Protein backbone atom coordinates (compact mmCIF):
# COMPACT_ATOMS: atom_id res chain seq x y z
CA UNK A 1 14.44 21.97 4.86
CA UNK A 2 11.52 19.72 4.04
CA UNK A 3 11.82 17.58 0.95
CA UNK A 4 9.67 15.38 -1.15
CA UNK A 5 11.61 12.14 -0.99
CA UNK A 6 9.41 9.10 -1.35
CA UNK A 7 9.41 5.59 -2.60
CA UNK A 8 12.17 5.05 -5.09
CA UNK A 9 11.35 5.91 -8.70
CA UNK A 10 9.20 3.33 -10.47
CA UNK A 11 9.38 0.78 -7.70
CA UNK A 12 7.31 -2.16 -8.97
CA UNK A 13 5.91 -4.69 -6.55
CA UNK A 14 4.33 -7.90 -7.88
CA UNK A 15 1.65 -9.44 -5.72
CA UNK A 16 1.69 -13.21 -5.22
CA UNK A 17 -1.19 -14.92 -6.95
CA UNK A 18 -2.20 -11.86 -8.93
CA UNK A 19 -1.27 -10.60 -12.35
CA UNK A 20 -0.77 -7.01 -11.28
CA UNK A 21 2.06 -4.67 -10.44
CA UNK A 22 1.94 -1.60 -8.25
CA UNK A 23 4.01 1.37 -9.37
CA UNK A 24 4.57 3.91 -6.61
CA UNK A 25 6.56 6.65 -8.29
CA UNK A 26 3.52 8.83 -9.05
CA UNK A 27 2.59 8.90 -5.39
CA UNK A 28 5.70 10.81 -4.47
CA UNK A 29 6.44 13.27 -7.27
CA UNK A 30 6.59 16.65 -5.48
CA UNK A 31 4.41 19.61 -6.34
CA UNK A 32 3.89 22.97 -4.65
CA UNK A 33 2.46 23.23 -1.12
CA UNK A 34 2.61 26.62 0.51
CA UNK A 35 6.29 27.14 -0.14
CA UNK A 36 7.07 23.49 0.58
CA UNK A 37 7.09 20.49 -1.72
CA UNK A 38 4.03 18.29 -1.76
CA UNK A 39 3.83 14.70 -2.92
CA UNK A 40 0.92 13.86 -5.19
CA UNK A 41 -1.53 11.29 -3.80
CA UNK A 42 -1.38 7.89 -5.46
CA UNK A 43 -2.98 8.34 -8.86
CA UNK A 44 -3.25 4.74 -9.99
CA UNK A 45 -3.29 1.47 -8.09
CA UNK A 46 -3.68 -1.52 -10.39
CA UNK A 47 -5.69 0.52 -12.86
CA UNK A 48 -7.79 2.34 -10.24
CA UNK A 49 -7.69 6.10 -9.98
CA UNK A 50 -6.71 7.21 -6.51
CA UNK A 51 -7.17 8.83 -4.07
CA UNK A 52 -10.88 8.51 -3.56
CA UNK A 53 -12.67 11.84 -3.61
CA UNK A 54 -14.86 12.64 -0.64
CA UNK A 55 -18.36 13.59 -1.67
CA UNK A 56 -20.89 15.88 -0.05
CA UNK A 57 -20.94 13.72 3.03
CA UNK A 58 -24.04 11.55 2.72
CA UNK A 59 -23.95 8.55 5.08
CA UNK A 60 -22.86 5.40 3.28
CA UNK A 61 -24.07 1.85 3.69
CA UNK A 62 -22.22 -1.04 2.19
CA UNK A 63 -21.62 -4.74 2.44
CA UNK A 64 -17.94 -5.61 2.33
CA UNK A 65 -17.01 -7.30 -0.97
CA UNK A 66 -15.00 -9.94 0.87
CA UNK A 67 -17.45 -12.09 2.79
CA UNK A 68 -20.22 -12.35 5.37
CA UNK A 69 -19.65 -14.72 8.27
CA UNK A 70 -23.14 -15.81 9.32
CA UNK A 71 -26.85 -15.29 8.91
CA UNK A 72 -26.75 -13.11 12.02
CA UNK A 73 -24.20 -10.82 10.36
CA UNK A 74 -26.20 -10.67 7.13
CA UNK A 75 -29.25 -9.46 9.04
CA UNK A 76 -27.60 -6.73 11.07
CA UNK A 77 -25.87 -3.48 10.31
CA UNK A 78 -23.15 -1.84 12.36
CA UNK A 79 -23.46 1.91 12.78
CA UNK A 80 -20.27 3.93 12.83
CA UNK A 81 -20.20 7.67 13.47
CA UNK A 82 -17.35 9.71 11.98
CA UNK A 83 -16.22 11.59 8.89
CA UNK A 84 -14.47 9.73 6.09
CA UNK A 85 -11.34 11.90 6.31
CA UNK A 86 -10.65 11.15 9.98
CA UNK A 87 -7.71 8.76 10.17
CA UNK A 88 -9.18 7.09 13.26
CA UNK A 89 -12.49 6.56 11.50
CA UNK A 90 -10.59 5.21 8.50
CA UNK A 91 -8.97 2.67 10.79
CA UNK A 92 -12.36 1.28 11.82
CA UNK A 93 -13.89 1.41 8.34
CA UNK A 94 -10.91 -0.39 6.80
CA UNK A 95 -11.08 -3.09 9.46
CA UNK A 96 -14.81 -3.69 9.19
CA UNK A 97 -14.62 -3.97 5.41
CA UNK A 98 -11.74 -6.42 5.62
CA UNK A 99 -13.77 -8.57 8.02
CA UNK A 100 -16.89 -8.39 5.88
CA UNK A 101 -19.70 -7.01 8.03
CA UNK A 102 -22.50 -4.81 6.72
CA UNK A 103 -22.05 -1.29 8.07
CA UNK A 104 -23.63 2.14 7.93
CA UNK A 105 -21.39 5.18 8.41
CA UNK A 106 -22.91 8.42 9.68
CA UNK A 107 -20.95 11.62 9.10
CA UNK A 108 -20.02 13.34 12.34
CA UNK A 109 -17.23 15.63 13.49
CA UNK A 110 -15.27 18.26 11.59
CA UNK A 111 -17.43 20.26 9.20
CA UNK A 112 -20.36 17.94 9.90
CA UNK A 113 -20.52 18.74 13.60
CA UNK A 114 -22.93 16.81 15.78
CA UNK A 115 -20.46 16.00 18.53
CA UNK A 116 -22.15 18.35 21.01
CA UNK A 117 -25.57 16.81 20.52
CA UNK A 118 -26.99 15.17 23.63
CA UNK A 119 -27.48 11.86 21.85
CA UNK A 120 -23.84 11.79 20.75
CA UNK A 121 -22.50 12.82 24.17
CA UNK A 122 -24.52 9.97 25.68
CA UNK A 123 -22.54 7.60 23.41
CA UNK A 124 -19.15 9.27 23.87
CA UNK A 125 -18.75 11.97 26.53
CA UNK A 126 -15.31 12.73 25.04
CA UNK A 127 -17.13 14.15 21.96
CA UNK A 128 -14.78 12.41 19.54
CA UNK A 129 -15.15 10.02 16.62
CA UNK A 130 -15.33 7.16 15.84
CA UNK A 131 -18.21 5.69 17.79
CA UNK A 132 -19.69 2.27 17.03
CA UNK A 133 -23.17 0.90 17.75
CA UNK A 134 -23.46 -2.85 17.29
CA UNK A 135 -27.06 -3.76 18.07
CA UNK A 136 -27.16 -1.41 21.05
CA UNK A 137 -23.59 -2.07 22.22
CA UNK A 138 -21.85 1.31 22.10
CA UNK A 139 -18.06 1.57 21.93
CA UNK A 140 -15.58 4.39 21.34
CA UNK A 141 -11.78 4.50 20.85
CA UNK A 142 -10.70 3.26 17.43
CA UNK A 143 -8.31 0.51 18.56
CA UNK A 144 -10.91 -0.85 20.97
CA UNK A 145 -13.46 -0.93 18.15
CA UNK A 146 -11.03 -2.74 15.83
CA UNK A 147 -10.31 -5.33 18.51
CA UNK A 148 -14.01 -5.83 19.22
CA UNK A 149 -14.84 -6.28 15.54
CA UNK A 150 -11.95 -8.69 15.08
CA UNK A 151 -12.86 -10.82 18.10
CA UNK A 152 -16.61 -10.79 17.35
CA UNK A 153 -16.60 -11.25 13.56
CA UNK A 154 -13.04 -11.93 12.40
CA UNK A 155 -11.77 -14.92 14.38
CA UNK A 156 -9.50 -17.24 12.49
CA UNK A 157 -8.78 -14.72 9.78
CA UNK A 158 -8.49 -11.05 10.60
CA UNK A 159 -7.95 -12.03 14.23
CA UNK A 160 -5.58 -14.90 15.05
CA UNK A 161 -6.85 -17.76 17.21
CA UNK A 162 -3.61 -18.58 19.02
CA UNK A 163 -3.25 -16.57 22.23
CA UNK A 164 0.40 -15.80 21.62
CA UNK A 165 -0.36 -14.58 18.10
CA UNK A 166 -3.16 -12.41 19.51
CA UNK A 167 -0.75 -10.94 22.04
CA UNK A 168 1.77 -10.26 19.28
CA UNK A 169 -0.92 -8.54 17.21
CA UNK A 170 -1.79 -6.39 20.24
CA UNK A 171 1.89 -5.55 20.61
CA UNK A 172 2.11 -4.17 17.07
CA UNK A 173 -1.21 -2.37 17.39
CA UNK A 174 0.11 -0.53 20.43
CA UNK A 175 3.43 0.09 18.70
CA UNK A 176 1.76 1.72 15.71
CA UNK A 177 -0.31 3.96 17.94
CA UNK A 178 2.41 5.00 20.37
CA UNK A 179 5.42 5.10 18.04
CA UNK A 180 4.01 6.63 14.83
CA UNK A 181 0.71 8.42 15.33
CA UNK A 182 1.86 11.56 17.14
CA UNK A 183 4.75 12.31 14.78
CA UNK A 184 2.89 11.52 11.53
CA UNK A 185 -0.50 13.01 12.36
CA UNK A 186 -0.16 15.47 15.24
CA UNK A 187 3.12 17.02 14.11
CA UNK A 188 3.58 16.43 10.36
CA UNK A 189 0.02 16.26 9.06
CA UNK A 190 -1.40 18.97 11.29
CA UNK A 191 1.69 21.11 10.77
CA UNK A 192 1.65 20.86 6.97
CA UNK A 193 -2.05 20.63 6.15
CA UNK A 194 -3.91 22.20 9.07
CA UNK A 195 -1.51 25.04 9.87
CA UNK A 196 -0.78 28.17 7.77
CA UNK A 197 2.81 28.28 6.53
CA UNK A 198 3.43 31.45 8.53
CA UNK A 199 2.68 29.60 11.76
CA UNK A 200 4.37 26.33 10.84
CA UNK A 201 7.05 24.85 13.10
CA UNK A 202 9.38 23.51 10.41
CA UNK A 203 11.99 22.31 12.90
CA UNK A 204 9.42 20.23 14.76
CA UNK A 205 8.15 18.72 11.49
CA UNK A 206 11.67 17.85 10.36
CA UNK A 207 12.50 16.29 13.73
CA UNK A 208 9.25 14.30 13.69
CA UNK A 209 9.88 12.97 10.18
CA UNK A 210 13.33 11.80 11.25
CA UNK A 211 11.89 10.02 14.29
CA UNK A 212 9.28 8.30 12.15
CA UNK A 213 11.99 7.06 9.79
CA UNK A 214 13.91 5.61 12.72
CA UNK A 215 10.81 3.91 14.10
CA UNK A 216 9.80 2.53 10.71
CA UNK A 217 13.28 1.04 10.37
CA UNK A 218 12.24 -1.30 13.20
CA UNK A 219 9.15 -2.32 11.24
CA UNK A 220 11.26 -2.67 8.09
CA UNK A 221 13.46 -5.24 9.82
CA UNK A 222 10.38 -7.07 11.09
CA UNK A 223 8.83 -7.17 7.61
CA UNK A 224 11.97 -8.63 6.04
CA UNK A 225 10.65 -12.14 6.69
CA UNK A 226 6.88 -11.64 6.33
CA UNK A 227 4.39 -10.04 3.97
CA UNK A 228 2.25 -8.46 6.66
CA UNK A 229 2.88 -7.41 10.24
CA UNK A 230 1.34 -10.58 11.66
CA UNK A 231 2.75 -12.97 9.07
CA UNK A 232 1.55 -14.22 5.68
CA UNK A 233 -1.89 -12.59 5.76
CA UNK A 234 -3.34 -9.27 6.83
CA UNK A 235 -4.64 -9.09 10.41
CA UNK A 236 -5.61 -6.43 12.92
CA UNK A 237 -1.87 -6.08 13.64
CA UNK A 238 -1.50 -4.15 10.37
CA UNK A 239 -4.21 -1.59 11.04
CA UNK A 240 -2.84 1.13 13.38
CA UNK A 241 0.44 1.53 11.47
CA UNK A 242 -1.01 0.73 8.06
CA UNK A 243 -3.72 3.39 8.22
CA UNK A 244 -0.99 6.02 8.64
CA UNK A 245 1.05 4.97 5.63
CA UNK A 246 -1.06 6.73 2.99
CA UNK A 247 -0.46 10.09 4.65
CA UNK A 248 3.14 9.26 5.45
CA UNK A 249 3.94 8.53 1.80
CA UNK A 250 2.01 11.52 0.42
CA UNK A 251 3.16 14.26 2.79
CA UNK A 252 6.16 16.41 1.76
CA UNK A 253 8.58 15.08 4.38
CA UNK A 254 11.94 13.36 4.35
CA UNK A 255 11.71 9.58 4.18
CA UNK A 256 14.54 7.07 4.39
CA UNK A 257 14.72 4.13 2.00
CA UNK A 258 12.76 1.31 3.66
CA UNK A 259 12.15 -1.36 1.00
CA UNK A 260 10.19 -3.75 3.18
CA UNK A 261 7.88 -1.05 4.51
CA UNK A 262 7.40 0.24 0.96
CA UNK A 263 6.53 -3.24 -0.32
CA UNK A 264 4.12 -3.75 2.60
CA UNK A 265 2.43 -0.42 1.84
CA UNK A 266 2.11 -1.47 -1.81
CA UNK A 267 0.36 -4.66 -0.70
CA UNK A 268 -2.04 -2.65 1.45
CA UNK A 269 -2.69 -0.26 -1.44
CA UNK A 270 -3.77 -3.18 -3.63
CA UNK A 271 -6.61 -4.04 -1.26
CA UNK A 272 -10.06 -2.67 -2.10
CA UNK A 273 -11.01 -1.94 1.55
CA UNK A 274 -7.79 0.06 1.95
CA UNK A 275 -8.35 1.98 -1.28
CA UNK A 276 -11.95 2.79 -0.39
CA UNK A 277 -11.45 3.78 3.23
CA UNK A 278 -7.87 4.98 3.68
CA UNK A 279 -6.66 6.36 0.35
CA UNK A 280 -9.03 9.34 0.52
CA UNK A 281 -8.04 12.75 -0.77
CA UNK A 282 -7.46 15.06 2.18
CA UNK A 283 -7.17 18.28 0.12
CA UNK A 284 -10.39 19.61 1.61
CA UNK A 285 -8.73 19.53 5.05
CA UNK A 286 -6.01 21.97 3.96
CA UNK A 287 -6.43 25.38 5.59
CA UNK A 288 -5.86 28.68 3.83
CA UNK A 289 -2.17 29.51 3.62
CA UNK A 290 -0.97 25.97 4.34
């Protein structure tokens, strides 16, 4: 039986250096979802209404509010193909906004189509998003794009400089992808949002949610002595697991009490790039009967 357990009621997390408190209880109050319980998306993060609604799908250009690294970066614009509700696209968009590079996102995939166009196939014969074009350099696979952006534009901040720290960041990037993605997205999200209730494999969803809880217990232990996965500040190590947390905490699944993971998620949810690119309402992805 699926439940709506979430972050403990009225958990309040104070952020160092900021006069703000994140309250997470609203994110996990269950409502109806096709015979199951659904957790409401986060409604307020430090006074901001969330989640972000997805508009009609016009491409968006923006300069990250954080910083620009050089004159070269100020004069160029990354192009990223992919729809805003794709979790893999969100991973790239969150990373690029944390780094602070001007970017232009072009809707592709899902309802927007375009993946069978010859020009797109020339960039990615797998016909998947995201795809990045950085001044003629084309790259696909979201983790590869995040690593490229970090090494090209985020050295010393978003990307560590010490080789051992880089290797450790890579370790946690791979862990997030291999340990969490399939159970959270492929089984739970697809099963609850993209599958009619009549065709839903409830046993598989329950088993997946239990596995995720066990895996996140490993991360919870790791986060007991640090604010972010890589240490005191956010780095690319946070991205593959962090991008999944919004859906994990808003899906109607069983969740164990993991205070360090919950506090880490609250820190992510305070960040403007995370709010703008990850905390996006996925209601329009819900199929009839789900």
